[in-house]
Structure formats: structure tokens, C-alpha cells
Amino acid sequence: MEQLGFEHQPHDTRHTCISLLAEAHVDQMMIKKIVGHKGAMSLTERVYTHPDIKALVDAINMI
């Protein structure tokens, strides 16, 4: 990225996305599903919650 004059790495966009979703008051479980934080999810969130694609897109559209 230095060749392009960027001080940030592509991974930084994940931090920005998560911050914007949190600021938009998106449910934490939805944020985890969107960004793929499986390790941070409870058993209930991992196994028993299945938001549909529309719900995930609606959450993203809040930012």
C-alpha cells in the first residue's frame, strides 16, 4: 500500500465498517454475522440464529 501512498491496510476497512455499524445501532449479533466473527459469538448466536440475507443487507444499509 505504500506504493499508492496509503497509510492504511485493507483490513482497516473492517474496523471502519464495524464502527459505523455500531454507531448506527445495528444489533451486535448482526455485526458479528456480517463481518464473520464466529469466535466471538455465543453458542446460541452460532447455532440457533440464522438472519436472512435481507436482514443483513438492511443492517448494512443503516450506515
PDB file of N, CA and C in Angstrom:
ATOM      1  N   MET A   1       0.813  -1.199   0.000  1.00  0.00           N
ATOM      2  CA  MET A   1       0.000   0.000   0.000  1.00  0.00           C
ATOM      3  C   MET A   1       0.860   1.267   0.000  1.00  0.00           C
ATOM      4  N   GLU A   2       2.068   1.139   0.451  1.00  0.00           N
ATOM      5  CA  GLU A   2       2.934   2.314   0.485  1.00  0.00           C
ATOM      6  C   GLU A   2       3.162   2.883  -0.909  1.00  0.00           C
ATOM      7  N   GLN A   3       3.193   1.993  -1.922  1.00  0.00           N
ATOM      8  CA  GLN A   3       3.402   2.461  -3.289  1.00  0.00           C
ATOM      9  C   GLN A   3       2.291   3.395  -3.747  1.00  0.00           C
ATOM     10  N   LEU A   4       1.116   3.226  -3.178  1.00  0.00           N
ATOM     11  CA  LEU A   4      -0.028   4.058  -3.546  1.00  0.00           C
ATOM     12  C   LEU A   4      -0.198   5.267  -2.639  1.00  0.00           C
ATOM     13  N   GLY A   5       0.648   5.366  -1.634  1.00  0.00           N
ATOM     14  CA  GLY A   5       0.561   6.484  -0.710  1.00  0.00           C
ATOM     15  C   GLY A   5      -0.475   6.300   0.383  1.00  0.00           C
ATOM     16  N   PHE A   6      -0.960   5.076   0.587  1.00  0.00           N
ATOM     17  CA  PHE A   6      -1.937   4.794   1.631  1.00  0.00           C
ATOM     18  C   PHE A   6      -1.224   4.464   2.931  1.00  0.00           C
ATOM     19  N   GLU A   7      -1.724   4.996   4.024  1.00  0.00           N
ATOM     20  CA  GLU A   7      -1.187   4.660   5.330  1.00  0.00           C
ATOM     21  C   GLU A   7      -1.953   3.503   5.968  1.00  0.00           C
ATOM     22  N   HIS A   8      -3.067   3.120   5.381  1.00  0.00           N
ATOM     23  CA  HIS A   8      -3.920   2.088   5.955  1.00  0.00           C
ATOM     24  C   HIS A   8      -3.845   0.810   5.132  1.00  0.00           C
ATOM     25  N   GLN A   9      -4.175  -0.284   5.778  1.00  0.00           N
ATOM     26  CA  GLN A   9      -4.236  -1.585   5.127  1.00  0.00           C
ATOM     27  C   GLN A   9      -5.699  -1.919   4.836  1.00  0.00           C
ATOM     28  N   PRO A  10      -5.952  -2.818   3.892  1.00  0.00           N
ATOM     29  CA  PRO A  10      -7.337  -3.202   3.599  1.00  0.00           C
ATOM     30  C   PRO A  10      -8.102  -3.676   4.844  1.00  0.00           C
ATOM     31  N   HIS A  11      -7.406  -4.324   5.774  1.00  0.00           N
ATOM     32  CA  HIS A  11      -8.057  -4.807   6.994  1.00  0.00           C
ATOM     33  C   HIS A  11      -8.668  -3.656   7.802  1.00  0.00           C
ATOM     34  N   ASP A  12      -8.114  -2.471   7.663  1.00  0.00           N
ATOM     35  CA  ASP A  12      -8.643  -1.314   8.391  1.00  0.00           C
ATOM     36  C   ASP A  12     -10.090  -1.030   8.031  1.00  0.00           C
ATOM     37  N   THR A  13     -10.508  -1.418   6.832  1.00  0.00           N
ATOM     38  CA  THR A  13     -11.897  -1.176   6.436  1.00  0.00           C
ATOM     39  C   THR A  13     -12.858  -1.976   7.304  1.00  0.00           C
ATOM     40  N   ARG A  14     -12.415  -3.144   7.813  1.00  0.00           N
ATOM     41  CA  ARG A  14     -13.255  -3.929   8.721  1.00  0.00           C
ATOM     42  C   ARG A  14     -13.532  -3.133   9.991  1.00  0.00           C
ATOM     43  N   HIS A  15     -12.497  -2.486  10.514  1.00  0.00           N
ATOM     44  CA  HIS A  15     -12.656  -1.683  11.725  1.00  0.00           C
ATOM     45  C   HIS A  15     -13.632  -0.532  11.474  1.00  0.00           C
ATOM     46  N   THR A  16     -13.477   0.119  10.337  1.00  0.00           N
ATOM     47  CA  THR A  16     -14.369   1.225   9.993  1.00  0.00           C
ATOM     48  C   THR A  16     -15.802   0.730   9.843  1.00  0.00           C
ATOM     49  N   CYS A  17     -15.979  -0.380   9.139  1.00  0.00           N
ATOM     50  CA  CYS A  17     -17.323  -0.939   8.945  1.00  0.00           C
ATOM     51  C   CYS A  17     -17.970  -1.275  10.280  1.00  0.00           C
ATOM     52  N   ILE A  18     -17.241  -1.959  11.151  1.00  0.00           N
ATOM     53  CA  ILE A  18     -17.788  -2.331  12.457  1.00  0.00           C
ATOM     54  C   ILE A  18     -18.131  -1.092  13.269  1.00  0.00           C
ATOM     55  N   SER A  19     -17.275  -0.086  13.231  1.00  0.00           N
ATOM     56  CA  SER A  19     -17.546   1.152  13.965  1.00  0.00           C
ATOM     57  C   SER A  19     -18.801   1.837  13.447  1.00  0.00           C
ATOM     58  N   LEU A  20     -18.941   1.915  12.119  1.00  0.00           N
ATOM     59  CA  LEU A  20     -20.121   2.558  11.532  1.00  0.00           C
ATOM     60  C   LEU A  20     -21.398   1.786  11.848  1.00  0.00           C
ATOM     61  N   LEU A  21     -21.326   0.455  11.793  1.00  0.00           N
ATOM     62  CA  LEU A  21     -22.499  -0.346  12.135  1.00  0.00           C
ATOM     63  C   LEU A  21     -22.893  -0.135  13.595  1.00  0.00           C
ATOM     64  N   ALA A  22     -21.912  -0.101  14.488  1.00  0.00           N
ATOM     65  CA  ALA A  22     -22.189   0.117  15.912  1.00  0.00           C
ATOM     66  C   ALA A  22     -22.791   1.501  16.141  1.00  0.00           C
ATOM     67  N   GLU A  23     -22.242   2.510  15.468  1.00  0.00           N
ATOM     68  CA  GLU A  23     -22.771   3.870  15.600  1.00  0.00           C
ATOM     69  C   GLU A  23     -24.201   3.964  15.079  1.00  0.00           C
ATOM     70  N   ALA A  24     -24.551   3.113  14.107  1.00  0.00           N
ATOM     71  CA  ALA A  24     -25.913   3.096  13.547  1.00  0.00           C
ATOM     72  C   ALA A  24     -26.841   2.229  14.394  1.00  0.00           C
ATOM     73  N   HIS A  25     -26.336   1.735  15.524  1.00  0.00           N
ATOM     74  CA  HIS A  25     -27.110   0.919  16.470  1.00  0.00           C
ATOM     75  C   HIS A  25     -27.579  -0.402  15.870  1.00  0.00           C
ATOM     76  N   VAL A  26     -26.751  -0.980  14.998  1.00  0.00           N
ATOM     77  CA  VAL A  26     -27.038  -2.309  14.472  1.00  0.00           C
ATOM     78  C   VAL A  26     -26.775  -3.311  15.592  1.00  0.00           C
ATOM     79  N   ASP A  27     -27.641  -4.298  15.720  1.00  0.00           N
ATOM     80  CA  ASP A  27     -27.527  -5.327  16.731  1.00  0.00           C
ATOM     81  C   ASP A  27     -26.156  -6.012  16.645  1.00  0.00           C
ATOM     82  N   GLN A  28     -25.532  -6.261  17.796  1.00  0.00           N
ATOM     83  CA  GLN A  28     -24.197  -6.852  17.840  1.00  0.00           C
ATOM     84  C   GLN A  28     -24.138  -8.216  17.157  1.00  0.00           C
ATOM     85  N   MET A  29     -25.185  -9.013  17.288  1.00  0.00           N
ATOM     86  CA  MET A  29     -25.195 -10.315  16.631  1.00  0.00           C
ATOM     87  C   MET A  29     -25.157 -10.154  15.116  1.00  0.00           C
ATOM     88  N   MET A  30     -25.879  -9.155  14.600  1.00  0.00           N
ATOM     89  CA  MET A  30     -25.879  -8.903  13.158  1.00  0.00           C
ATOM     90  C   MET A  30     -24.493  -8.452  12.702  1.00  0.00           C
ATOM     91  N   ILE A  31     -23.846  -7.599  13.492  1.00  0.00           N
ATOM     92  CA  ILE A  31     -22.494  -7.146  13.148  1.00  0.00           C
ATOM     93  C   ILE A  31     -21.552  -8.341  13.079  1.00  0.00           C
ATOM     94  N   LYS A  32     -21.623  -9.217  14.053  1.00  0.00           N
ATOM     95  CA  LYS A  32     -20.763 -10.408  14.062  1.00  0.00           C
ATOM     96  C   LYS A  32     -21.004 -11.270  12.834  1.00  0.00           C
ATOM     97  N   LYS A  33     -22.262 -11.437  12.452  1.00  0.00           N
ATOM     98  CA  LYS A  33     -22.590 -12.233  11.264  1.00  0.00           C
ATOM     99  C   LYS A  33     -22.036 -11.573  10.001  1.00  0.00           C
ATOM    100  N   ILE A  34     -22.184 -10.254   9.895  1.00  0.00           N
ATOM    101  CA  ILE A  34     -21.730  -9.523   8.708  1.00  0.00           C
ATOM    102  C   ILE A  34     -20.222  -9.654   8.530  1.00  0.00           C
ATOM    103  N   VAL A  35     -19.469  -9.491   9.613  1.00  0.00           N
ATOM    104  CA  VAL A  35     -18.002  -9.482   9.494  1.00  0.00           C
ATOM    105  C   VAL A  35     -17.370 -10.836   9.755  1.00  0.00           C
ATOM    106  N   GLY A  36     -18.174 -11.844  10.110  1.00  0.00           N
ATOM    107  CA  GLY A  36     -17.651 -13.189  10.257  1.00  0.00           C
ATOM    108  C   GLY A  36     -16.895 -13.459  11.536  1.00  0.00           C
ATOM    109  N   HIS A  37     -17.272 -12.810  12.634  1.00  0.00           N
ATOM    110  CA  HIS A  37     -16.625 -13.025  13.924  1.00  0.00           C
ATOM    111  C   HIS A  37     -17.242 -14.224  14.633  1.00  0.00           C
ATOM    112  N   LYS A  38     -17.015 -15.401  14.114  1.00  0.00           N
ATOM    113  CA  LYS A  38     -17.611 -16.607  14.686  1.00  0.00           C
ATOM    114  C   LYS A  38     -17.092 -16.896  16.085  1.00  0.00           C
ATOM    115  N   GLY A  39     -15.799 -16.667  16.316  1.00  0.00           N
ATOM    116  CA  GLY A  39     -15.212 -16.953  17.620  1.00  0.00           C
ATOM    117  C   GLY A  39     -15.787 -16.100  18.737  1.00  0.00           C
ATOM    118  N   ALA A  40     -16.252 -14.916  18.410  1.00  0.00           N
ATOM    119  CA  ALA A  40     -16.789 -14.005  19.415  1.00  0.00           C
ATOM    120  C   ALA A  40     -18.272 -14.248  19.684  1.00  0.00           C
ATOM    121  N   MET A  41     -18.861 -15.161  18.933  1.00  0.00           N
ATOM    122  CA  MET A  41     -20.291 -15.401  19.069  1.00  0.00           C
ATOM    123  C   MET A  41     -20.570 -16.460  20.131  1.00  0.00           C
ATOM    124  N   SER A  42     -21.682 -16.289  20.805  1.00  0.00           N
ATOM    125  CA  SER A  42     -22.109 -17.283  21.786  1.00  0.00           C
ATOM    126  C   SER A  42     -22.601 -18.528  21.049  1.00  0.00           C
ATOM    127  N   LEU A  43     -22.748 -19.600  21.759  1.00  0.00           N
ATOM    128  CA  LEU A  43     -23.290 -20.829  21.166  1.00  0.00           C
ATOM    129  C   LEU A  43     -24.656 -20.565  20.546  1.00  0.00           C
ATOM    130  N   THR A  44     -25.476 -19.816  21.239  1.00  0.00           N
ATOM    131  CA  THR A  44     -26.816 -19.504  20.725  1.00  0.00           C
ATOM    132  C   THR A  44     -26.717 -18.753  19.402  1.00  0.00           C
ATOM    133  N   GLU A  45     -25.842 -17.756  19.346  1.00  0.00           N
ATOM    134  CA  GLU A  45     -25.691 -16.982  18.119  1.00  0.00           C
ATOM    135  C   GLU A  45     -25.159 -17.854  16.978  1.00  0.00           C
ATOM    136  N   ARG A  46     -24.190 -18.718  17.272  1.00  0.00           N
ATOM    137  CA  ARG A  46     -23.583 -19.554  16.231  1.00  0.00           C
ATOM    138  C   ARG A  46     -24.536 -20.617  15.703  1.00  0.00           C
ATOM    139  N   VAL A  47     -25.283 -21.230  16.584  1.00  0.00           N
ATOM    140  CA  VAL A  47     -26.053 -22.412  16.209  1.00  0.00           C
ATOM    141  C   VAL A  47     -27.516 -22.111  15.914  1.00  0.00           C
ATOM    142  N   TYR A  48     -28.108 -21.226  16.682  1.00  0.00           N
ATOM    143  CA  TYR A  48     -29.567 -21.093  16.623  1.00  0.00           C
ATOM    144  C   TYR A  48     -30.088 -19.825  15.954  1.00  0.00           C
ATOM    145  N   THR A  49     -29.225 -18.923  15.574  1.00  0.00           N
ATOM    146  CA  THR A  49     -29.704 -17.704  14.908  1.00  0.00           C
ATOM    147  C   THR A  49     -29.276 -17.723  13.448  1.00  0.00           C
ATOM    148  N   HIS A  50     -30.227 -17.467  12.581  1.00  0.00           N
ATOM    149  CA  HIS A  50     -29.976 -17.517  11.147  1.00  0.00           C
ATOM    150  C   HIS A  50     -30.659 -16.334  10.457  1.00  0.00           C
ATOM    151  N   PRO A  51     -30.097 -15.116  10.595  1.00  0.00           N
ATOM    152  CA  PRO A  51     -30.734 -13.996   9.905  1.00  0.00           C
ATOM    153  C   PRO A  51     -30.643 -14.201   8.396  1.00  0.00           C
ATOM    154  N   ASP A  52     -31.700 -13.820   7.705  1.00  0.00           N
ATOM    155  CA  ASP A  52     -31.681 -13.987   6.255  1.00  0.00           C
ATOM    156  C   ASP A  52     -30.867 -12.867   5.612  1.00  0.00           C
ATOM    157  N   ILE A  53     -30.566 -13.038   4.348  1.00  0.00           N
ATOM    158  CA  ILE A  53     -29.735 -12.074   3.621  1.00  0.00           C
ATOM    159  C   ILE A  53     -30.354 -10.686   3.655  1.00  0.00           C
ATOM    160  N   LYS A  54     -31.669 -10.588   3.511  1.00  0.00           N
ATOM    161  CA  LYS A  54     -32.319  -9.270   3.528  1.00  0.00           C
ATOM    162  C   LYS A  54     -32.061  -8.559   4.854  1.00  0.00           C
ATOM    163  N   ALA A  55     -32.123  -9.289   5.961  1.00  0.00           N
ATOM    164  CA  ALA A  55     -31.872  -8.674   7.266  1.00  0.00           C
ATOM    165  C   ALA A  55     -30.435  -8.171   7.361  1.00  0.00           C
ATOM    166  N   LEU A  56     -29.482  -8.927   6.823  1.00  0.00           N
ATOM    167  CA  LEU A  56     -28.085  -8.498   6.838  1.00  0.00           C
ATOM    168  C   LEU A  56     -27.878  -7.272   5.944  1.00  0.00           C
ATOM    169  N   VAL A  57     -28.499  -7.281   4.763  1.00  0.00           N
ATOM    170  CA  VAL A  57     -28.393  -6.134   3.848  1.00  0.00           C
ATOM    171  C   VAL A  57     -29.038  -4.906   4.476  1.00  0.00           C
ATOM    172  N   ASP A  58     -30.191  -5.081   5.108  1.00  0.00           N
ATOM    173  CA  ASP A  58     -30.846  -3.957   5.783  1.00  0.00           C
ATOM    174  C   ASP A  58     -29.940  -3.374   6.874  1.00  0.00           C
ATOM    175  N   ALA A  59     -29.242  -4.241   7.594  1.00  0.00           N
ATOM    176  CA  ALA A  59     -28.325  -3.768   8.637  1.00  0.00           C
ATOM    177  C   ALA A  59     -27.189  -2.964   8.018  1.00  0.00           C
ATOM    178  N   ILE A  60     -26.622  -3.464   6.930  1.00  0.00           N
ATOM    179  CA  ILE A  60     -25.530  -2.744   6.252  1.00  0.00           C
ATOM    180  C   ILE A  60     -26.031  -1.410   5.720  1.00  0.00           C
ATOM    181  N   ASN A  61     -27.238  -1.388   5.207  1.00  0.00           N
ATOM    182  CA  ASN A  61     -27.799  -0.154   4.650  1.00  0.00           C
ATOM    183  C   ASN A  61     -28.072   0.910   5.704  1.00  0.00           C
ATOM    184  N   MET A  62     -27.940   0.575   6.967  1.00  0.00           N
ATOM    185  CA  MET A  62     -28.136   1.566   8.026  1.00  0.00           C
ATOM    186  C   MET A  62     -26.964   2.553   8.104  1.00  0.00           C
ATOM    187  N   ILE A  63     -25.840   2.196   7.451  1.00  0.00           N
ATOM    188  CA  ILE A  63     -24.687   3.116   7.508  1.00  0.00           C
ATOM    189  C   ILE A  63     -24.528   3.889   6.215  1.00  0.00           C
TER     190      ILE A  63
END
